[in-house]
Amino acid sequence: MIMKKVKLFKITVLVLILAGSFSSILCCCENSLKKATTLKEGLVRDFGNPAVDGCGWVIIVNDTIYAPVEWKLENKFCKDSLKVYVDYKNLLSFRNCNWWGPGKHVYPEIEILTIKMRKI
């Protein structure tokens, strides 16, 4: 009777270890897939100096122009027509540009989470 309980205990421990290992593997794979799929192809553009009615640096993703808030990037990303991969969070705010020109431009603002240069 004691041998059956010991054997059952060993099998239970083994099953729990295998289940924990399997769930860890799935979790790691899921996180890798999320990270790999959140980067989008983008294009950095210089829309002019905001001090003279420009809109500053923007990123174009899928034909949509986004205005990053708190643009705190290294100078290597501040180049017009630079191709990048970007992960960002959509915000509920907008940037208004070109107050005095023909037509006001309003772009949705984003918070950049990750940005990397694309190989050309």
N, C-alpha and C. Protein backbone atom coordinates (compact mmCIF):
# COMPACT_ATOMS: atom_id res chain seq x y z
N MET A 1 0.82 -1.19 0.00
CA MET A 1 0.00 0.00 0.00
C MET A 1 0.86 1.26 0.00
N ILE A 2 1.92 1.27 0.79
CA ILE A 2 2.82 2.43 0.83
C ILE A 2 3.54 2.57 -0.51
N MET A 3 3.89 1.45 -1.13
CA MET A 3 4.58 1.50 -2.43
C MET A 3 3.68 2.12 -3.49
N LYS A 4 2.38 1.83 -3.45
CA LYS A 4 1.45 2.40 -4.42
C LYS A 4 1.36 3.92 -4.24
N LYS A 5 1.34 4.37 -2.98
CA LYS A 5 1.26 5.80 -2.71
C LYS A 5 2.54 6.51 -3.17
N VAL A 6 3.70 5.88 -2.92
CA VAL A 6 4.98 6.47 -3.35
C VAL A 6 5.03 6.55 -4.87
N LYS A 7 4.61 5.46 -5.52
CA LYS A 7 4.62 5.43 -6.99
C LYS A 7 3.66 6.49 -7.55
N LEU A 8 2.47 6.60 -6.95
CA LEU A 8 1.50 7.61 -7.38
C LEU A 8 2.04 9.02 -7.16
N PHE A 9 2.72 9.24 -6.04
CA PHE A 9 3.32 10.54 -5.76
C PHE A 9 4.38 10.89 -6.80
N LYS A 10 5.24 9.92 -7.15
CA LYS A 10 6.29 10.16 -8.15
C LYS A 10 5.68 10.49 -9.51
N ILE A 11 4.65 9.78 -9.89
CA ILE A 11 3.99 10.04 -11.18
C ILE A 11 3.35 11.43 -11.17
N THR A 12 2.72 11.79 -10.07
CA THR A 12 2.09 13.11 -9.96
C THR A 12 3.13 14.23 -10.07
N VAL A 13 4.25 14.07 -9.38
CA VAL A 13 5.32 15.06 -9.45
C VAL A 13 5.85 15.18 -10.87
N LEU A 14 6.06 14.05 -11.53
CA LEU A 14 6.56 14.04 -12.90
C LEU A 14 5.59 14.75 -13.85
N VAL A 15 4.30 14.48 -13.69
CA VAL A 15 3.29 15.13 -14.53
C VAL A 15 3.28 16.64 -14.30
N LEU A 16 3.38 17.06 -13.06
CA LEU A 16 3.39 18.49 -12.75
C LEU A 16 4.63 19.17 -13.33
N ILE A 17 5.77 18.52 -13.25
CA ILE A 17 7.00 19.09 -13.81
C ILE A 17 6.88 19.22 -15.32
N LEU A 18 6.38 18.18 -15.98
CA LEU A 18 6.21 18.23 -17.43
C LEU A 18 5.20 19.30 -17.84
N ALA A 19 4.11 19.40 -17.11
CA ALA A 19 3.09 20.42 -17.42
C ALA A 19 3.67 21.82 -17.25
N GLY A 20 4.44 22.04 -16.20
CA GLY A 20 5.07 23.35 -15.98
C GLY A 20 6.06 23.69 -17.07
N SER A 21 6.85 22.69 -17.48
CA SER A 21 7.83 22.92 -18.56
C SER A 21 7.12 23.24 -19.86
N PHE A 22 6.06 22.51 -20.16
CA PHE A 22 5.33 22.72 -21.40
C PHE A 22 4.69 24.11 -21.43
N SER A 23 4.10 24.53 -20.31
CA SER A 23 3.48 25.86 -20.28
C SER A 23 4.52 26.96 -20.39
N SER A 24 5.72 26.75 -19.84
CA SER A 24 6.80 27.74 -19.97
C SER A 24 7.23 27.87 -21.42
N ILE A 25 7.32 26.74 -22.11
CA ILE A 25 7.72 26.76 -23.52
C ILE A 25 6.66 27.50 -24.33
N LEU A 26 5.39 27.20 -24.09
CA LEU A 26 4.32 27.89 -24.83
C LEU A 26 4.33 29.38 -24.55
N CYS A 27 4.53 29.75 -23.31
CA CYS A 27 4.55 31.16 -22.94
C CYS A 27 5.69 31.88 -23.65
N CYS A 28 6.87 31.29 -23.65
CA CYS A 28 8.02 31.91 -24.32
C CYS A 28 7.76 32.05 -25.81
N CYS A 29 7.21 31.04 -26.42
CA CYS A 29 6.93 31.09 -27.86
C CYS A 29 5.89 32.17 -28.15
N GLU A 30 4.87 32.25 -27.31
CA GLU A 30 3.83 33.25 -27.51
C GLU A 30 4.40 34.65 -27.40
N ASN A 31 5.27 34.92 -26.42
CA ASN A 31 5.89 36.23 -26.27
C ASN A 31 6.76 36.55 -27.46
N SER A 32 7.50 35.57 -27.98
CA SER A 32 8.35 35.80 -29.14
C SER A 32 7.51 36.16 -30.35
N LEU A 33 6.39 35.48 -30.52
CA LEU A 33 5.52 35.79 -31.65
C LEU A 33 4.93 37.18 -31.52
N LYS A 34 4.52 37.56 -30.32
CA LYS A 34 3.98 38.91 -30.13
C LYS A 34 5.02 39.96 -30.47
N LYS A 35 6.24 39.78 -30.01
CA LYS A 35 7.29 40.76 -30.28
C LYS A 35 7.60 40.82 -31.76
N ALA A 36 7.60 39.68 -32.41
CA ALA A 36 7.96 39.64 -33.83
C ALA A 36 6.87 40.28 -34.70
N THR A 37 5.63 40.22 -34.28
CA THR A 37 4.56 40.70 -35.14
C THR A 37 4.14 42.14 -34.84
N THR A 38 4.64 42.75 -33.77
CA THR A 38 4.20 44.10 -33.46
C THR A 38 5.00 45.17 -34.20
N LEU A 39 6.17 44.84 -34.71
CA LEU A 39 6.96 45.82 -35.46
C LEU A 39 6.34 46.00 -36.84
N LYS A 40 6.15 47.25 -37.21
CA LYS A 40 5.58 47.56 -38.53
C LYS A 40 6.59 48.35 -39.34
N GLU A 41 6.52 48.22 -40.65
CA GLU A 41 7.40 49.00 -41.52
C GLU A 41 6.92 50.44 -41.53
N GLY A 42 7.86 51.35 -41.37
CA GLY A 42 7.52 52.76 -41.36
C GLY A 42 8.55 53.59 -42.10
N LEU A 43 8.22 54.84 -42.31
CA LEU A 43 9.10 55.78 -43.00
C LEU A 43 9.12 57.08 -42.19
N VAL A 44 10.31 57.47 -41.74
CA VAL A 44 10.47 58.72 -40.99
C VAL A 44 10.52 59.87 -41.98
N ARG A 45 9.74 60.92 -41.72
CA ARG A 45 9.74 62.08 -42.61
C ARG A 45 9.88 63.35 -41.79
N ASP A 46 10.54 64.33 -42.37
CA ASP A 46 10.68 65.65 -41.76
C ASP A 46 9.63 66.57 -42.38
N PHE A 47 8.62 66.93 -41.61
CA PHE A 47 7.55 67.78 -42.11
C PHE A 47 7.76 69.23 -41.72
N GLY A 48 8.99 69.62 -41.51
CA GLY A 48 9.31 71.02 -41.28
C GLY A 48 9.36 71.39 -39.81
N ASN A 49 10.04 72.50 -39.56
CA ASN A 49 10.24 72.99 -38.20
C ASN A 49 8.91 73.46 -37.61
N PRO A 50 8.52 72.92 -36.45
CA PRO A 50 7.26 73.36 -35.82
C PRO A 50 7.25 74.84 -35.47
N ALA A 51 8.41 75.44 -35.28
CA ALA A 51 8.47 76.87 -34.93
C ALA A 51 7.99 77.75 -36.08
N VAL A 52 8.00 77.23 -37.29
CA VAL A 52 7.54 78.00 -38.45
C VAL A 52 6.41 77.26 -39.17
N ASP A 53 5.47 76.73 -38.38
CA ASP A 53 4.27 76.04 -38.87
C ASP A 53 4.50 74.68 -39.50
N GLY A 54 5.66 74.09 -39.30
CA GLY A 54 5.87 72.72 -39.75
C GLY A 54 5.31 71.76 -38.72
N CYS A 55 5.43 70.48 -38.99
CA CYS A 55 4.88 69.49 -38.07
C CYS A 55 5.98 68.66 -37.41
N GLY A 56 7.22 68.95 -37.73
CA GLY A 56 8.32 68.20 -37.12
C GLY A 56 8.47 66.82 -37.73
N TRP A 57 9.05 65.91 -36.95
CA TRP A 57 9.27 64.55 -37.42
C TRP A 57 7.99 63.73 -37.30
N VAL A 58 7.66 63.00 -38.35
CA VAL A 58 6.50 62.12 -38.36
C VAL A 58 6.94 60.74 -38.85
N ILE A 59 6.09 59.77 -38.64
CA ILE A 59 6.34 58.42 -39.16
C ILE A 59 5.12 57.99 -39.95
N ILE A 60 5.36 57.52 -41.16
CA ILE A 60 4.28 57.05 -42.02
C ILE A 60 4.26 55.52 -41.96
N VAL A 61 3.10 54.97 -41.57
CA VAL A 61 2.90 53.52 -41.51
C VAL A 61 1.62 53.20 -42.26
N ASN A 62 1.72 52.34 -43.26
CA ASN A 62 0.55 51.94 -44.06
C ASN A 62 -0.24 53.16 -44.56
N ASP A 63 0.45 54.12 -45.13
CA ASP A 63 -0.15 55.33 -45.70
C ASP A 63 -0.83 56.24 -44.68
N THR A 64 -0.60 56.02 -43.40
CA THR A 64 -1.13 56.90 -42.35
C THR A 64 0.03 57.66 -41.73
N ILE A 65 -0.14 58.96 -41.61
CA ILE A 65 0.91 59.81 -41.01
C ILE A 65 0.64 59.91 -39.52
N TYR A 66 1.66 59.54 -38.73
CA TYR A 66 1.57 59.61 -37.27
C TYR A 66 2.58 60.63 -36.75
N ALA A 67 2.18 61.35 -35.71
CA ALA A 67 3.07 62.32 -35.07
C ALA A 67 3.49 61.76 -33.71
N PRO A 68 4.77 61.36 -33.60
CA PRO A 68 5.22 60.83 -32.31
C PRO A 68 5.29 61.93 -31.25
N VAL A 69 4.86 61.62 -30.05
CA VAL A 69 4.99 62.56 -28.94
C VAL A 69 6.34 62.33 -28.29
N GLU A 70 6.86 63.38 -27.69
CA GLU A 70 8.14 63.29 -26.99
C GLU A 70 9.19 62.55 -27.83
N TRP A 71 9.48 63.12 -28.96
CA TRP A 71 10.43 62.51 -29.89
C TRP A 71 11.81 62.53 -29.27
N LYS A 72 12.16 61.48 -28.57
CA LYS A 72 13.45 61.39 -27.89
C LYS A 72 14.26 60.28 -28.54
N LEU A 73 14.68 60.49 -29.75
CA LEU A 73 15.44 59.47 -30.47
C LEU A 73 16.85 59.95 -30.72
N GLU A 74 17.71 58.98 -30.93
CA GLU A 74 19.07 59.32 -31.30
C GLU A 74 19.04 60.01 -32.66
N ASN A 75 20.05 60.78 -32.94
CA ASN A 75 20.10 61.50 -34.21
C ASN A 75 20.05 60.57 -35.41
N LYS A 76 20.48 59.31 -35.23
CA LYS A 76 20.50 58.39 -36.38
C LYS A 76 19.10 58.12 -36.92
N PHE A 77 18.05 58.37 -36.12
CA PHE A 77 16.68 58.18 -36.60
C PHE A 77 16.06 59.46 -37.15
N CYS A 78 16.71 60.59 -36.96
CA CYS A 78 16.18 61.87 -37.43
C CYS A 78 16.74 62.19 -38.81
N LYS A 79 16.38 61.34 -39.78
CA LYS A 79 16.79 61.53 -41.17
C LYS A 79 15.57 61.37 -42.05
N ASP A 80 15.37 62.33 -42.94
CA ASP A 80 14.20 62.30 -43.81
C ASP A 80 14.25 61.07 -44.72
N SER A 81 13.12 60.41 -44.87
CA SER A 81 12.93 59.23 -45.71
C SER A 81 13.68 58.00 -45.20
N LEU A 82 13.95 57.94 -43.89
CA LEU A 82 14.61 56.79 -43.29
C LEU A 82 13.59 55.67 -43.12
N LYS A 83 13.92 54.48 -43.63
CA LYS A 83 13.05 53.32 -43.49
C LYS A 83 13.33 52.66 -42.15
N VAL A 84 12.23 52.40 -41.39
CA VAL A 84 12.38 51.84 -40.04
C VAL A 84 11.34 50.75 -39.80
N TYR A 85 11.58 49.99 -38.74
CA TYR A 85 10.56 49.14 -38.13
C TYR A 85 10.18 49.85 -36.84
N VAL A 86 8.89 49.94 -36.59
CA VAL A 86 8.45 50.69 -35.41
C VAL A 86 7.31 49.94 -34.71
N ASP A 87 7.37 49.98 -33.39
CA ASP A 87 6.27 49.50 -32.57
C ASP A 87 5.79 50.71 -31.78
N TYR A 88 4.50 50.95 -31.76
CA TYR A 88 3.99 52.17 -31.15
C TYR A 88 2.64 51.92 -30.50
N LYS A 89 2.27 52.87 -29.67
CA LYS A 89 0.97 52.84 -29.00
C LYS A 89 0.17 54.03 -29.50
N ASN A 90 -1.03 53.77 -29.99
CA ASN A 90 -1.91 54.86 -30.43
C ASN A 90 -2.42 55.64 -29.23
N LEU A 91 -2.38 56.95 -29.35
CA LEU A 91 -2.88 57.82 -28.29
C LEU A 91 -4.21 58.44 -28.73
N LEU A 92 -4.87 59.09 -27.83
CA LEU A 92 -6.15 59.72 -28.16
C LEU A 92 -5.99 61.18 -28.56
N SER A 93 -4.74 61.64 -28.67
CA SER A 93 -4.47 63.05 -28.99
C SER A 93 -4.04 63.20 -30.45
N PHE A 94 -4.07 64.45 -30.91
CA PHE A 94 -3.71 64.76 -32.29
C PHE A 94 -2.76 65.94 -32.31
N ARG A 95 -1.95 66.03 -33.36
CA ARG A 95 -1.07 67.18 -33.55
C ARG A 95 -1.62 68.03 -34.70
N ASN A 96 -1.82 69.30 -34.40
CA ASN A 96 -2.29 70.25 -35.41
C ASN A 96 -1.10 70.96 -36.01
N CYS A 97 -1.04 71.01 -37.33
CA CYS A 97 0.08 71.66 -38.01
C CYS A 97 -0.43 72.62 -39.08
N ASN A 98 0.43 73.51 -39.51
CA ASN A 98 0.13 74.41 -40.62
C ASN A 98 -1.08 75.30 -40.31
N TRP A 99 -0.97 76.04 -39.22
CA TRP A 99 -2.08 76.89 -38.80
C TRP A 99 -2.43 77.97 -39.82
N TRP A 100 -1.43 78.52 -40.52
CA TRP A 100 -1.68 79.68 -41.38
C TRP A 100 -1.70 79.34 -42.86
N GLY A 101 -1.33 78.14 -43.21
CA GLY A 101 -1.27 77.77 -44.63
C GLY A 101 -2.62 77.37 -45.19
N PRO A 102 -2.60 76.93 -46.45
CA PRO A 102 -3.86 76.52 -47.09
C PRO A 102 -4.28 75.13 -46.58
N GLY A 103 -5.08 75.08 -45.59
CA GLY A 103 -5.55 73.79 -45.06
C GLY A 103 -4.78 73.38 -43.82
N LYS A 104 -5.51 73.09 -42.78
CA LYS A 104 -4.92 72.68 -41.52
C LYS A 104 -4.71 71.17 -41.57
N HIS A 105 -3.57 70.70 -41.07
CA HIS A 105 -3.26 69.28 -41.07
C HIS A 105 -3.30 68.76 -39.63
N VAL A 106 -4.01 67.67 -39.42
CA VAL A 106 -4.14 67.06 -38.11
C VAL A 106 -3.70 65.60 -38.22
N TYR A 107 -2.74 65.22 -37.37
CA TYR A 107 -2.20 63.86 -37.41
C TYR A 107 -2.37 63.20 -36.05
N PRO A 108 -2.76 61.91 -36.04
CA PRO A 108 -2.86 61.21 -34.75
C PRO A 108 -1.49 61.06 -34.11
N GLU A 109 -1.45 61.21 -32.78
CA GLU A 109 -0.18 61.09 -32.07
C GLU A 109 0.01 59.65 -31.58
N ILE A 110 1.29 59.25 -31.54
CA ILE A 110 1.65 57.91 -31.07
C ILE A 110 2.80 58.02 -30.08
N GLU A 111 2.91 57.01 -29.24
CA GLU A 111 4.07 56.87 -28.36
C GLU A 111 4.92 55.75 -28.94
N ILE A 112 6.16 56.05 -29.27
CA ILE A 112 7.05 55.04 -29.84
C ILE A 112 7.56 54.13 -28.73
N LEU A 113 7.36 52.82 -28.90
CA LEU A 113 7.83 51.85 -27.93
C LEU A 113 9.19 51.28 -28.36
N THR A 114 9.33 50.99 -29.65
CA THR A 114 10.59 50.47 -30.20
C THR A 114 10.73 50.99 -31.62
N ILE A 115 11.95 51.30 -31.99
CA ILE A 115 12.23 51.70 -33.37
C ILE A 115 13.60 51.16 -33.77
N LYS A 116 13.65 50.59 -34.99
CA LYS A 116 14.88 50.02 -35.50
C LYS A 116 15.01 50.38 -36.97
N MET A 117 16.24 50.55 -37.43
CA MET A 117 16.45 50.84 -38.84
C MET A 117 16.22 49.57 -39.67
N ARG A 118 15.63 49.76 -40.84
CA ARG A 118 15.46 48.64 -41.79
C ARG A 118 16.69 48.55 -42.67
N LYS A 119 17.07 47.37 -43.03
CA LYS A 119 18.15 47.18 -44.00
C LYS A 119 17.61 47.54 -45.37
N ILE A 120 18.38 48.27 -46.12
CA ILE A 120 17.92 48.72 -47.44
C ILE A 120 18.21 47.67 -48.49
